[in-house]
mmCIF file of all heavy atoms, coordinates in Angstrom:
data_MODEL
# 
_entry.id   MODEL 
# 
loop_
_atom_site.group_PDB 
_atom_site.id 
_atom_site.type_symbol 
_atom_site.label_atom_id 
_atom_site.label_alt_id 
_atom_site.label_comp_id 
_atom_site.label_asym_id 
_atom_site.label_entity_id 
_atom_site.label_seq_id 
_atom_site.pdbx_PDB_ins_code 
_atom_site.Cartn_x 
_atom_site.Cartn_y 
_atom_site.Cartn_z 
_atom_site.occupancy 
_atom_site.B_iso_or_equiv 
_atom_site.pdbx_formal_charge 
_atom_site.auth_seq_id 
_atom_site.auth_comp_id 
_atom_site.auth_asym_id 
_atom_site.auth_atom_id 
_atom_site.pdbx_PDB_model_num 
ATOM 1   N N   . SER A 1 1  ? 0.828   -1.202 0.000  1.00 0.00 ? 1  SER A N   1 
ATOM 2   C CA  . SER A 1 1  ? 0.000   0.000  0.000  1.00 0.00 ? 1  SER A CA  1 
ATOM 3   C C   . SER A 1 1  ? 0.863   1.253  0.000  1.00 0.00 ? 1  SER A C   1 
ATOM 4   O O   . SER A 1 1  ? 2.034   1.227  0.403  1.00 0.00 ? 1  SER A O   1 
ATOM 5   C CB  . SER A 1 1  ? -0.915  0.012  1.238  1.00 0.00 ? 1  SER A CB  1 
ATOM 6   O OG  . SER A 1 1  ? -1.866  1.050  1.147  1.00 0.00 ? 1  SER A OG  1 
ATOM 7   N N   . ASN A 1 2  ? 0.270   2.330  -0.457 1.00 0.00 ? 2  ASN A N   1 
ATOM 8   C CA  . ASN A 1 2  ? 0.847   3.673  -0.354 1.00 0.00 ? 2  ASN A CA  1 
ATOM 9   C C   . ASN A 1 2  ? -0.239  4.561  0.236  1.00 0.00 ? 2  ASN A C   1 
ATOM 10  O O   . ASN A 1 2  ? -0.926  5.283  -0.479 1.00 0.00 ? 2  ASN A O   1 
ATOM 11  C CB  . ASN A 1 2  ? 1.282   4.167  -1.733 1.00 0.00 ? 2  ASN A CB  1 
ATOM 12  C CG  . ASN A 1 2  ? 1.823   5.589  -1.692 1.00 0.00 ? 2  ASN A CG  1 
ATOM 13  O OD1 . ASN A 1 2  ? 2.245   6.072  -0.648 1.00 0.00 ? 2  ASN A OD1 1 
ATOM 14  N ND2 . ASN A 1 2  ? 1.792   6.275  -2.817 1.00 0.00 ? 2  ASN A ND2 1 
ATOM 15  N N   . PRO A 1 3  ? -0.430  4.499  1.573  1.00 0.00 ? 3  PRO A N   1 
ATOM 16  C CA  . PRO A 1 3  ? -1.532  5.251  2.196  1.00 0.00 ? 3  PRO A CA  1 
ATOM 17  C C   . PRO A 1 3  ? -1.268  6.746  2.180  1.00 0.00 ? 3  PRO A C   1 
ATOM 18  O O   . PRO A 1 3  ? -0.135  7.185  1.928  1.00 0.00 ? 3  PRO A O   1 
ATOM 19  C CB  . PRO A 1 3  ? -1.537  4.704  3.632  1.00 0.00 ? 3  PRO A CB  1 
ATOM 20  C CG  . PRO A 1 3  ? -0.119  4.305  3.884  1.00 0.00 ? 3  PRO A CG  1 
ATOM 21  C CD  . PRO A 1 3  ? 0.394   3.782  2.561  1.00 0.00 ? 3  PRO A CD  1 
ATOM 22  N N   . PRO A 1 4  ? -2.296  7.556  2.456  1.00 0.00 ? 4  PRO A N   1 
ATOM 23  C CA  . PRO A 1 4  ? -2.115  9.020  2.456  1.00 0.00 ? 4  PRO A CA  1 
ATOM 24  C C   . PRO A 1 4  ? -1.083  9.453  3.495  1.00 0.00 ? 4  PRO A C   1 
ATOM 25  O O   . PRO A 1 4  ? -1.015  8.895  4.590  1.00 0.00 ? 4  PRO A O   1 
ATOM 26  C CB  . PRO A 1 4  ? -3.514  9.543  2.819  1.00 0.00 ? 4  PRO A CB  1 
ATOM 27  C CG  . PRO A 1 4  ? -4.442  8.415  2.536  1.00 0.00 ? 4  PRO A CG  1 
ATOM 28  C CD  . PRO A 1 4  ? -3.672  7.163  2.760  1.00 0.00 ? 4  PRO A CD  1 
ATOM 29  N N   . TYR A 1 5  ? -0.275  10.463 3.139  1.00 0.00 ? 5  TYR A N   1 
ATOM 30  C CA  . TYR A 1 5  ? 0.731   10.992 4.059  1.00 0.00 ? 5  TYR A CA  1 
ATOM 31  C C   . TYR A 1 5  ? 0.154   12.174 4.840  1.00 0.00 ? 5  TYR A C   1 
ATOM 32  O O   . TYR A 1 5  ? -0.468  13.062 4.266  1.00 0.00 ? 5  TYR A O   1 
ATOM 33  C CB  . TYR A 1 5  ? 1.974   11.499 3.313  1.00 0.00 ? 5  TYR A CB  1 
ATOM 34  C CG  . TYR A 1 5  ? 2.609   10.528 2.367  1.00 0.00 ? 5  TYR A CG  1 
ATOM 35  C CD1 . TYR A 1 5  ? 3.251   10.969 1.219  1.00 0.00 ? 5  TYR A CD1 1 
ATOM 36  C CD2 . TYR A 1 5  ? 2.570   9.162  2.601  1.00 0.00 ? 5  TYR A CD2 1 
ATOM 37  C CE1 . TYR A 1 5  ? 3.844   10.091 0.335  1.00 0.00 ? 5  TYR A CE1 1 
ATOM 38  C CE2 . TYR A 1 5  ? 3.157   8.269  1.729  1.00 0.00 ? 5  TYR A CE2 1 
ATOM 39  C CZ  . TYR A 1 5  ? 3.792   8.730  0.597  1.00 0.00 ? 5  TYR A CZ  1 
ATOM 40  O OH  . TYR A 1 5  ? 4.376   7.851  -0.278 1.00 0.00 ? 5  TYR A OH  1 
ATOM 41  N N   . GLY A 1 6  ? 0.412   12.186 6.134  1.00 0.00 ? 6  GLY A N   1 
ATOM 42  C CA  . GLY A 1 6  ? 0.084   13.351 6.945  1.00 0.00 ? 6  GLY A CA  1 
ATOM 43  C C   . GLY A 1 6  ? -1.375  13.764 6.925  1.00 0.00 ? 6  GLY A C   1 
ATOM 44  O O   . GLY A 1 6  ? -1.691  14.929 7.124  1.00 0.00 ? 6  GLY A O   1 
ATOM 45  N N   . VAL A 1 7  ? -2.286  12.804 6.691  1.00 0.00 ? 7  VAL A N   1 
ATOM 46  C CA  . VAL A 1 7  ? -3.716  13.122 6.690  1.00 0.00 ? 7  VAL A CA  1 
ATOM 47  C C   . VAL A 1 7  ? -4.280  12.784 8.066  1.00 0.00 ? 7  VAL A C   1 
ATOM 48  O O   . VAL A 1 7  ? -4.108  11.670 8.563  1.00 0.00 ? 7  VAL A O   1 
ATOM 49  C CB  . VAL A 1 7  ? -4.456  12.316 5.606  1.00 0.00 ? 7  VAL A CB  1 
ATOM 50  C CG1 . VAL A 1 7  ? -5.951  12.581 5.680  1.00 0.00 ? 7  VAL A CG1 1 
ATOM 51  C CG2 . VAL A 1 7  ? -3.916  12.682 4.229  1.00 0.00 ? 7  VAL A CG2 1 
ATOM 52  N N   . ASP A 1 8  ? -4.945  13.758 8.689  1.00 0.00 ? 8  ASP A N   1 
ATOM 53  C CA  . ASP A 1 8  ? -5.409  13.511 10.060 1.00 0.00 ? 8  ASP A CA  1 
ATOM 54  C C   . ASP A 1 8  ? -6.646  12.619 10.061 1.00 0.00 ? 8  ASP A C   1 
ATOM 55  O O   . ASP A 1 8  ? -7.343  12.475 9.058  1.00 0.00 ? 8  ASP A O   1 
ATOM 56  C CB  . ASP A 1 8  ? -5.679  14.822 10.800 1.00 0.00 ? 8  ASP A CB  1 
ATOM 57  C CG  . ASP A 1 8  ? -6.913  15.560 10.312 1.00 0.00 ? 8  ASP A CG  1 
ATOM 58  O OD1 . ASP A 1 8  ? -8.012  14.967 10.370 1.00 0.00 ? 8  ASP A OD1 1 
ATOM 59  O OD2 . ASP A 1 8  ? -6.801  16.721 9.886  1.00 0.00 ? 8  ASP A OD2 1 
ATOM 60  N N   . TRP A 1 9  ? -6.886  11.992 11.215 1.00 0.00 ? 9  TRP A N   1 
ATOM 61  C CA  . TRP A 1 9  ? -8.043  11.102 11.381 1.00 0.00 ? 9  TRP A CA  1 
ATOM 62  C C   . TRP A 1 9  ? -8.983  11.636 12.457 1.00 0.00 ? 9  TRP A C   1 
ATOM 63  O O   . TRP A 1 9  ? -9.690  10.883 13.127 1.00 0.00 ? 9  TRP A O   1 
ATOM 64  C CB  . TRP A 1 9  ? -7.592  9.679  11.701 1.00 0.00 ? 9  TRP A CB  1 
ATOM 65  C CG  . TRP A 1 9  ? -6.482  9.549  12.721 1.00 0.00 ? 9  TRP A CG  1 
ATOM 66  C CD1 . TRP A 1 9  ? -5.158  9.787  12.529 1.00 0.00 ? 9  TRP A CD1 1 
ATOM 67  C CD2 . TRP A 1 9  ? -6.613  9.146  14.088 1.00 0.00 ? 9  TRP A CD2 1 
ATOM 68  N NE1 . TRP A 1 9  ? -4.451  9.558  13.687 1.00 0.00 ? 9  TRP A NE1 1 
ATOM 69  C CE2 . TRP A 1 9  ? -5.315  9.155  14.656 1.00 0.00 ? 9  TRP A CE2 1 
ATOM 70  C CE3 . TRP A 1 9  ? -7.690  8.763  14.889 1.00 0.00 ? 9  TRP A CE3 1 
ATOM 71  C CZ2 . TRP A 1 9  ? -5.076  8.806  15.987 1.00 0.00 ? 9  TRP A CZ2 1 
ATOM 72  C CZ3 . TRP A 1 9  ? -7.459  8.415  16.203 1.00 0.00 ? 9  TRP A CZ3 1 
ATOM 73  C CH2 . TRP A 1 9  ? -6.164  8.433  16.738 1.00 0.00 ? 9  TRP A CH2 1 
ATOM 74  N N   . LYS A 1 10 ? -9.017  12.976 12.563 1.00 0.00 ? 10 LYS A N   1 
ATOM 75  C CA  . LYS A 1 10 ? -9.828  13.621 13.589 1.00 0.00 ? 10 LYS A CA  1 
ATOM 76  C C   . LYS A 1 10 ? -11.317 13.323 13.410 1.00 0.00 ? 10 LYS A C   1 
ATOM 77  O O   . LYS A 1 10 ? -12.048 13.139 14.386 1.00 0.00 ? 10 LYS A O   1 
ATOM 78  C CB  . LYS A 1 10 ? -9.579  15.134 13.544 1.00 0.00 ? 10 LYS A CB  1 
ATOM 79  C CG  . LYS A 1 10 ? -10.296 15.923 14.625 1.00 0.00 ? 10 LYS A CG  1 
ATOM 80  C CD  . LYS A 1 10 ? -9.923  17.404 14.546 1.00 0.00 ? 10 LYS A CD  1 
ATOM 81  C CE  . LYS A 1 10 ? -10.604 18.204 15.641 1.00 0.00 ? 10 LYS A CE  1 
ATOM 82  N NZ  . LYS A 1 10 ? -10.243 19.645 15.574 1.00 0.00 ? 10 LYS A NZ  1 
ATOM 83  N N   . LYS A 1 11 ? -11.773 13.263 12.162 1.00 0.00 ? 11 LYS A N   1 
ATOM 84  C CA  . LYS A 1 11 ? -13.200 13.087 11.894 1.00 0.00 ? 11 LYS A CA  1 
ATOM 85  C C   . LYS A 1 11 ? -13.734 11.770 12.450 1.00 0.00 ? 11 LYS A C   1 
ATOM 86  O O   . LYS A 1 11 ? -14.903 11.664 12.798 1.00 0.00 ? 11 LYS A O   1 
ATOM 87  C CB  . LYS A 1 11 ? -13.470 13.164 10.387 1.00 0.00 ? 11 LYS A CB  1 
ATOM 88  C CG  . LYS A 1 11 ? -13.338 14.549 9.802  1.00 0.00 ? 11 LYS A CG  1 
ATOM 89  C CD  . LYS A 1 11 ? -13.804 14.590 8.364  1.00 0.00 ? 11 LYS A CD  1 
ATOM 90  C CE  . LYS A 1 11 ? -12.923 13.754 7.457  1.00 0.00 ? 11 LYS A CE  1 
ATOM 91  N NZ  . LYS A 1 11 ? -13.293 13.900 6.026  1.00 0.00 ? 11 LYS A NZ  1 
ATOM 92  N N   . TYR A 1 12 ? -12.900 10.759 12.494 1.00 0.00 ? 12 TYR A N   1 
ATOM 93  C CA  . TYR A 1 12 ? -13.357 9.459  12.991 1.00 0.00 ? 12 TYR A CA  1 
ATOM 94  C C   . TYR A 1 12 ? -12.512 8.963  14.155 1.00 0.00 ? 12 TYR A C   1 
ATOM 95  O O   . TYR A 1 12 ? -12.366 7.759  14.378 1.00 0.00 ? 12 TYR A O   1 
ATOM 96  C CB  . TYR A 1 12 ? -13.375 8.435  11.859 1.00 0.00 ? 12 TYR A CB  1 
ATOM 97  C CG  . TYR A 1 12 ? -12.297 8.609  10.799 1.00 0.00 ? 12 TYR A CG  1 
ATOM 98  C CD1 . TYR A 1 12 ? -11.053 7.987  10.915 1.00 0.00 ? 12 TYR A CD1 1 
ATOM 99  C CD2 . TYR A 1 12 ? -12.543 9.394  9.674  1.00 0.00 ? 12 TYR A CD2 1 
ATOM 100 C CE1 . TYR A 1 12 ? -10.079 8.155  9.938  1.00 0.00 ? 12 TYR A CE1 1 
ATOM 101 C CE2 . TYR A 1 12 ? -11.567 9.568  8.709  1.00 0.00 ? 12 TYR A CE2 1 
ATOM 102 C CZ  . TYR A 1 12 ? -10.349 8.945  8.834  1.00 0.00 ? 12 TYR A CZ  1 
ATOM 103 O OH  . TYR A 1 12 ? -9.380  9.116  7.879  1.00 0.00 ? 12 TYR A OH  1 
ATOM 104 N N   . ALA A 1 13 ? -11.952 9.921  14.914 1.00 0.00 ? 13 ALA A N   1 
ATOM 105 C CA  . ALA A 1 13 ? -11.096 9.562  16.055 1.00 0.00 ? 13 ALA A CA  1 
ATOM 106 C C   . ALA A 1 13 ? -11.869 8.790  17.118 1.00 0.00 ? 13 ALA A C   1 
ATOM 107 O O   . ALA A 1 13 ? -11.343 7.843  17.712 1.00 0.00 ? 13 ALA A O   1 
ATOM 108 C CB  . ALA A 1 13 ? -10.472 10.823 16.645 1.00 0.00 ? 13 ALA A CB  1 
ATOM 109 N N   . ASP A 1 14 ? -13.112 9.203  17.382 1.00 0.00 ? 14 ASP A N   1 
ATOM 110 C CA  . ASP A 1 14 ? -13.887 8.537  18.439 1.00 0.00 ? 14 ASP A CA  1 
ATOM 111 C C   . ASP A 1 14 ? -14.090 7.057  18.131 1.00 0.00 ? 14 ASP A C   1 
ATOM 112 O O   . ASP A 1 14 ? -13.970 6.204  19.019 1.00 0.00 ? 14 ASP A O   1 
ATOM 113 C CB  . ASP A 1 14 ? -15.245 9.224  18.611 1.00 0.00 ? 14 ASP A CB  1 
ATOM 114 C CG  . ASP A 1 14 ? -15.121 10.622 19.223 1.00 0.00 ? 14 ASP A CG  1 
ATOM 115 O OD1 . ASP A 1 14 ? -14.055 10.910 19.799 1.00 0.00 ? 14 ASP A OD1 1 
ATOM 116 O OD2 . ASP A 1 14 ? -16.074 11.407 19.097 1.00 0.00 ? 14 ASP A OD2 1 
ATOM 117 N N   . MET A 1 15 ? -14.386 6.735  16.869 1.00 0.00 ? 15 MET A N   1 
ATOM 118 C CA  . MET A 1 15 ? -14.608 5.344  16.485 1.00 0.00 ? 15 MET A CA  1 
ATOM 119 C C   . MET A 1 15 ? -13.341 4.512  16.646 1.00 0.00 ? 15 MET A C   1 
ATOM 120 O O   . MET A 1 15 ? -13.366 3.378  17.138 1.00 0.00 ? 15 MET A O   1 
ATOM 121 C CB  . MET A 1 15 ? -15.097 5.271  15.031 1.00 0.00 ? 15 MET A CB  1 
ATOM 122 C CG  . MET A 1 15 ? -16.433 5.916  14.787 1.00 0.00 ? 15 MET A CG  1 
ATOM 123 S SD  . MET A 1 15 ? -16.918 5.859  13.046 1.00 0.00 ? 15 MET A SD  1 
ATOM 124 C CE  . MET A 1 15 ? -17.021 4.090  12.786 1.00 0.00 ? 15 MET A CE  1 
ATOM 125 N N   . ILE A 1 16 ? -12.214 5.089  16.244 1.00 0.00 ? 16 ILE A N   1 
ATOM 126 C CA  . ILE A 1 16 ? -10.956 4.353  16.312 1.00 0.00 ? 16 ILE A CA  1 
ATOM 127 C C   . ILE A 1 16 ? -10.519 4.166  17.766 1.00 0.00 ? 16 ILE A C   1 
ATOM 128 O O   . ILE A 1 16 ? -10.075 3.071  18.157 1.00 0.00 ? 16 ILE A O   1 
ATOM 129 C CB  . ILE A 1 16 ? -9.873  5.082  15.495 1.00 0.00 ? 16 ILE A CB  1 
ATOM 130 C CG1 . ILE A 1 16 ? -10.210 4.991  14.000 1.00 0.00 ? 16 ILE A CG1 1 
ATOM 131 C CG2 . ILE A 1 16 ? -8.492  4.511  15.766 1.00 0.00 ? 16 ILE A CG2 1 
ATOM 132 C CD1 . ILE A 1 16 ? -9.278  5.754  13.096 1.00 0.00 ? 16 ILE A CD1 1 
ATOM 133 N N   . ARG A 1 17 ? -10.657 5.205  18.566 1.00 0.00 ? 17 ARG A N   1 
ATOM 134 C CA  . ARG A 1 17 ? -10.297 5.076  19.980 1.00 0.00 ? 17 ARG A CA  1 
ATOM 135 C C   . ARG A 1 17 ? -11.187 4.062  20.683 1.00 0.00 ? 17 ARG A C   1 
ATOM 136 O O   . ARG A 1 17 ? -10.727 3.278  21.521 1.00 0.00 ? 17 ARG A O   1 
ATOM 137 C CB  . ARG A 1 17 ? -10.402 6.441  20.660 1.00 0.00 ? 17 ARG A CB  1 
ATOM 138 C CG  . ARG A 1 17 ? -9.266  7.391  20.281 1.00 0.00 ? 17 ARG A CG  1 
ATOM 139 C CD  . ARG A 1 17 ? -9.458  8.748  20.893 1.00 0.00 ? 17 ARG A CD  1 
ATOM 140 N NE  . ARG A 1 17 ? -8.352  9.639  20.573 1.00 0.00 ? 17 ARG A NE  1 
ATOM 141 C CZ  . ARG A 1 17 ? -8.475  10.932 20.323 1.00 0.00 ? 17 ARG A CZ  1 
ATOM 142 N NH1 . ARG A 1 17 ? -9.680  11.494 20.356 1.00 0.00 ? 17 ARG A NH1 1 
ATOM 143 N NH2 . ARG A 1 17 ? -7.421  11.668 20.036 1.00 0.00 ? 17 ARG A NH2 1 
ATOM 144 N N   . GLU A 1 18 ? -12.465 4.078  20.344 1.00 0.00 ? 18 GLU A N   1 
ATOM 145 C CA  . GLU A 1 18 ? -13.384 3.115  20.951 1.00 0.00 ? 18 GLU A CA  1 
ATOM 146 C C   . GLU A 1 18 ? -13.005 1.691  20.564 1.00 0.00 ? 18 GLU A C   1 
ATOM 147 O O   . GLU A 1 18 ? -13.022 0.777  21.400 1.00 0.00 ? 18 GLU A O   1 
ATOM 148 C CB  . GLU A 1 18 ? -14.816 3.424  20.507 1.00 0.00 ? 18 GLU A CB  1 
ATOM 149 C CG  . GLU A 1 18 ? -15.856 2.519  21.143 1.00 0.00 ? 18 GLU A CG  1 
ATOM 150 C CD  . GLU A 1 18 ? -17.274 2.870  20.713 1.00 0.00 ? 18 GLU A CD  1 
ATOM 151 O OE1 . GLU A 1 18 ? -17.452 3.924  20.061 1.00 0.00 ? 18 GLU A OE1 1 
ATOM 152 O OE2 . GLU A 1 18 ? -18.195 2.099  21.026 1.00 0.00 ? 18 GLU A OE2 1 
ATOM 153 N N   . GLU A 1 19 ? -12.634 1.503  19.291 1.00 0.00 ? 19 GLU A N   1 
ATOM 154 C CA  . GLU A 1 19 ? -12.210 0.168  18.843 1.00 0.00 ? 19 GLU A CA  1 
ATOM 155 C C   . GLU A 1 19 ? -10.956 -0.277 19.577 1.00 0.00 ? 19 GLU A C   1 
ATOM 156 O O   . GLU A 1 19 ? -10.835 -1.433 19.997 1.00 0.00 ? 19 GLU A O   1 
ATOM 157 C CB  . GLU A 1 19 ? -11.965 0.172  17.332 1.00 0.00 ? 19 GLU A CB  1 
ATOM 158 C CG  . GLU A 1 19 ? -11.490 -1.176 16.803 1.00 0.00 ? 19 GLU A CG  1 
ATOM 159 C CD  . GLU A 1 19 ? -11.231 -1.178 15.311 1.00 0.00 ? 19 GLU A CD  1 
ATOM 160 O OE1 . GLU A 1 19 ? -11.718 -0.258 14.621 1.00 0.00 ? 19 GLU A OE1 1 
ATOM 161 O OE2 . GLU A 1 19 ? -10.533 -2.098 14.830 1.00 0.00 ? 19 GLU A OE2 1 
ATOM 162 N N   . ARG A 1 20 ? -10.013 0.642  19.747 1.00 0.00 ? 20 ARG A N   1 
ATOM 163 C CA  . ARG A 1 20 ? -8.775  0.314  20.462 1.00 0.00 ? 20 ARG A CA  1 
ATOM 164 C C   . ARG A 1 20 ? -9.063  -0.080 21.906 1.00 0.00 ? 20 ARG A C   1 
ATOM 165 O O   . ARG A 1 20 ? -8.517  -1.055 22.427 1.00 0.00 ? 20 ARG A O   1 
ATOM 166 C CB  . ARG A 1 20 ? -7.824  1.509  20.394 1.00 0.00 ? 20 ARG A CB  1 
ATOM 167 C CG  . ARG A 1 20 ? -6.655  1.464  21.365 1.00 0.00 ? 20 ARG A CG  1 
ATOM 168 C CD  . ARG A 1 20 ? -5.731  0.299  21.135 1.00 0.00 ? 20 ARG A CD  1 
ATOM 169 N NE  . ARG A 1 20 ? -4.678  0.281  22.138 1.00 0.00 ? 20 ARG A NE  1 
ATOM 170 C CZ  . ARG A 1 20 ? -3.922  -0.763 22.416 1.00 0.00 ? 20 ARG A CZ  1 
ATOM 171 N NH1 . ARG A 1 20 ? -4.094  -1.898 21.774 1.00 0.00 ? 20 ARG A NH1 1 
ATOM 172 N NH2 . ARG A 1 20 ? -2.987  -0.694 23.341 1.00 0.00 ? 20 ARG A NH2 1 
ATOM 173 N N   . GLU A 1 21 ? -9.956  0.666  22.571 1.00 0.00 ? 21 GLU A N   1 
ATOM 174 C CA  . GLU A 1 21 ? -10.285 0.374  23.962 1.00 0.00 ? 21 GLU A CA  1 
ATOM 175 C C   . GLU A 1 21 ? -11.041 -0.943 24.090 1.00 0.00 ? 21 GLU A C   1 
ATOM 176 O O   . GLU A 1 21 ? -10.790 -1.727 25.013 1.00 0.00 ? 21 GLU A O   1 
ATOM 177 C CB  . GLU A 1 21 ? -11.114 1.515  24.545 1.00 0.00 ? 21 GLU A CB  1 
ATOM 178 C CG  . GLU A 1 21 ? -10.323 2.816  24.713 1.00 0.00 ? 21 GLU A CG  1 
ATOM 179 C CD  . GLU A 1 21 ? -11.205 3.982  25.123 1.00 0.00 ? 21 GLU A CD  1 
ATOM 180 O OE1 . GLU A 1 21 ? -12.414 3.746  25.357 1.00 0.00 ? 21 GLU A OE1 1 
ATOM 181 O OE2 . GLU A 1 21 ? -10.707 5.120  25.211 1.00 0.00 ? 21 GLU A OE2 1 
ATOM 182 N N   . ASP A 1 22 ? -11.963 -1.193 23.158 1.00 0.00 ? 22 ASP A N   1 
ATOM 183 C CA  . ASP A 1 22 ? -12.789 -2.403 23.252 1.00 0.00 ? 22 ASP A CA  1 
ATOM 184 C C   . ASP A 1 22 ? -12.004 -3.664 22.890 1.00 0.00 ? 22 ASP A C   1 
ATOM 185 O O   . ASP A 1 22 ? -12.122 -4.692 23.555 1.00 0.00 ? 22 ASP A O   1 
ATOM 186 C CB  . ASP A 1 22 ? -14.013 -2.282 22.335 1.00 0.00 ? 22 ASP A CB  1 
ATOM 187 C CG  . ASP A 1 22 ? -14.992 -1.217 22.821 1.00 0.00 ? 22 ASP A CG  1 
ATOM 188 O OD1 . ASP A 1 22 ? -14.866 -0.795 23.982 1.00 0.00 ? 22 ASP A OD1 1 
ATOM 189 O OD2 . ASP A 1 22 ? -15.861 -0.805 22.026 1.00 0.00 ? 22 ASP A OD2 1 
ATOM 190 N N   . ASP A 1 23 ? -11.205 -3.593 21.813 1.00 0.00 ? 23 ASP A N   1 
ATOM 191 C CA  . ASP A 1 23 ? -10.529 -4.794 21.305 1.00 0.00 ? 23 ASP A CA  1 
ATOM 192 C C   . ASP A 1 23 ? -9.142  -4.998 21.905 1.00 0.00 ? 23 ASP A C   1 
ATOM 193 O O   . ASP A 1 23 ? -8.647  -6.130 21.949 1.00 0.00 ? 23 ASP A O   1 
ATOM 194 C CB  . ASP A 1 23 ? -10.420 -4.726 19.776 1.00 0.00 ? 23 ASP A CB  1 
ATOM 195 C CG  . ASP A 1 23 ? -11.792 -4.713 19.118 1.00 0.00 ? 23 ASP A CG  1 
ATOM 196 O OD1 . ASP A 1 23 ? -12.776 -5.027 19.803 1.00 0.00 ? 23 ASP A OD1 1 
ATOM 197 O OD2 . ASP A 1 23 ? -11.872 -4.368 17.918 1.00 0.00 ? 23 ASP A OD2 1 
ATOM 198 N N   . GLY A 1 24 ? -8.489  -3.912 22.334 1.00 0.00 ? 24 GLY A N   1 
ATOM 199 C CA  . GLY A 1 24 ? -7.171  -4.039 22.961 1.00 0.00 ? 24 GLY A CA  1 
ATOM 200 C C   . GLY A 1 24 ? -6.173  -4.780 22.094 1.00 0.00 ? 24 GLY A C   1 
ATOM 201 O O   . GLY A 1 24 ? -6.074  -4.554 20.887 1.00 0.00 ? 24 GLY A O   1 
ATOM 202 N N   . ASP A 1 25 ? -5.451  -5.713 22.704 1.00 0.00 ? 25 ASP A N   1 
ATOM 203 C CA  . ASP A 1 25 ? -4.409  -6.453 21.996 1.00 0.00 ? 25 ASP A CA  1 
ATOM 204 C C   . ASP A 1 25 ? -4.965  -7.498 21.037 1.00 0.00 ? 25 ASP A C   1 
ATOM 205 O O   . ASP A 1 25 ? -4.204  -8.145 20.321 1.00 0.00 ? 25 ASP A O   1 
ATOM 206 C CB  . ASP A 1 25 ? -3.478  -7.134 23.008 1.00 0.00 ? 25 ASP A CB  1 
ATOM 207 C CG  . ASP A 1 25 ? -2.653  -6.116 23.792 1.00 0.00 ? 25 ASP A CG  1 
ATOM 208 O OD1 . ASP A 1 25 ? -2.599  -4.960 23.350 1.00 0.00 ? 25 ASP A OD1 1 
ATOM 209 O OD2 . ASP A 1 25 ? -2.084  -6.484 24.832 1.00 0.00 ? 25 ASP A OD2 1 
# 
């Protein structure tokens, strides 16, 4: 892959943080 450089994820930060907290390792 060549993902976007320096693009923020503020718009969907809540979803990603929630996934990290719920799924953990």
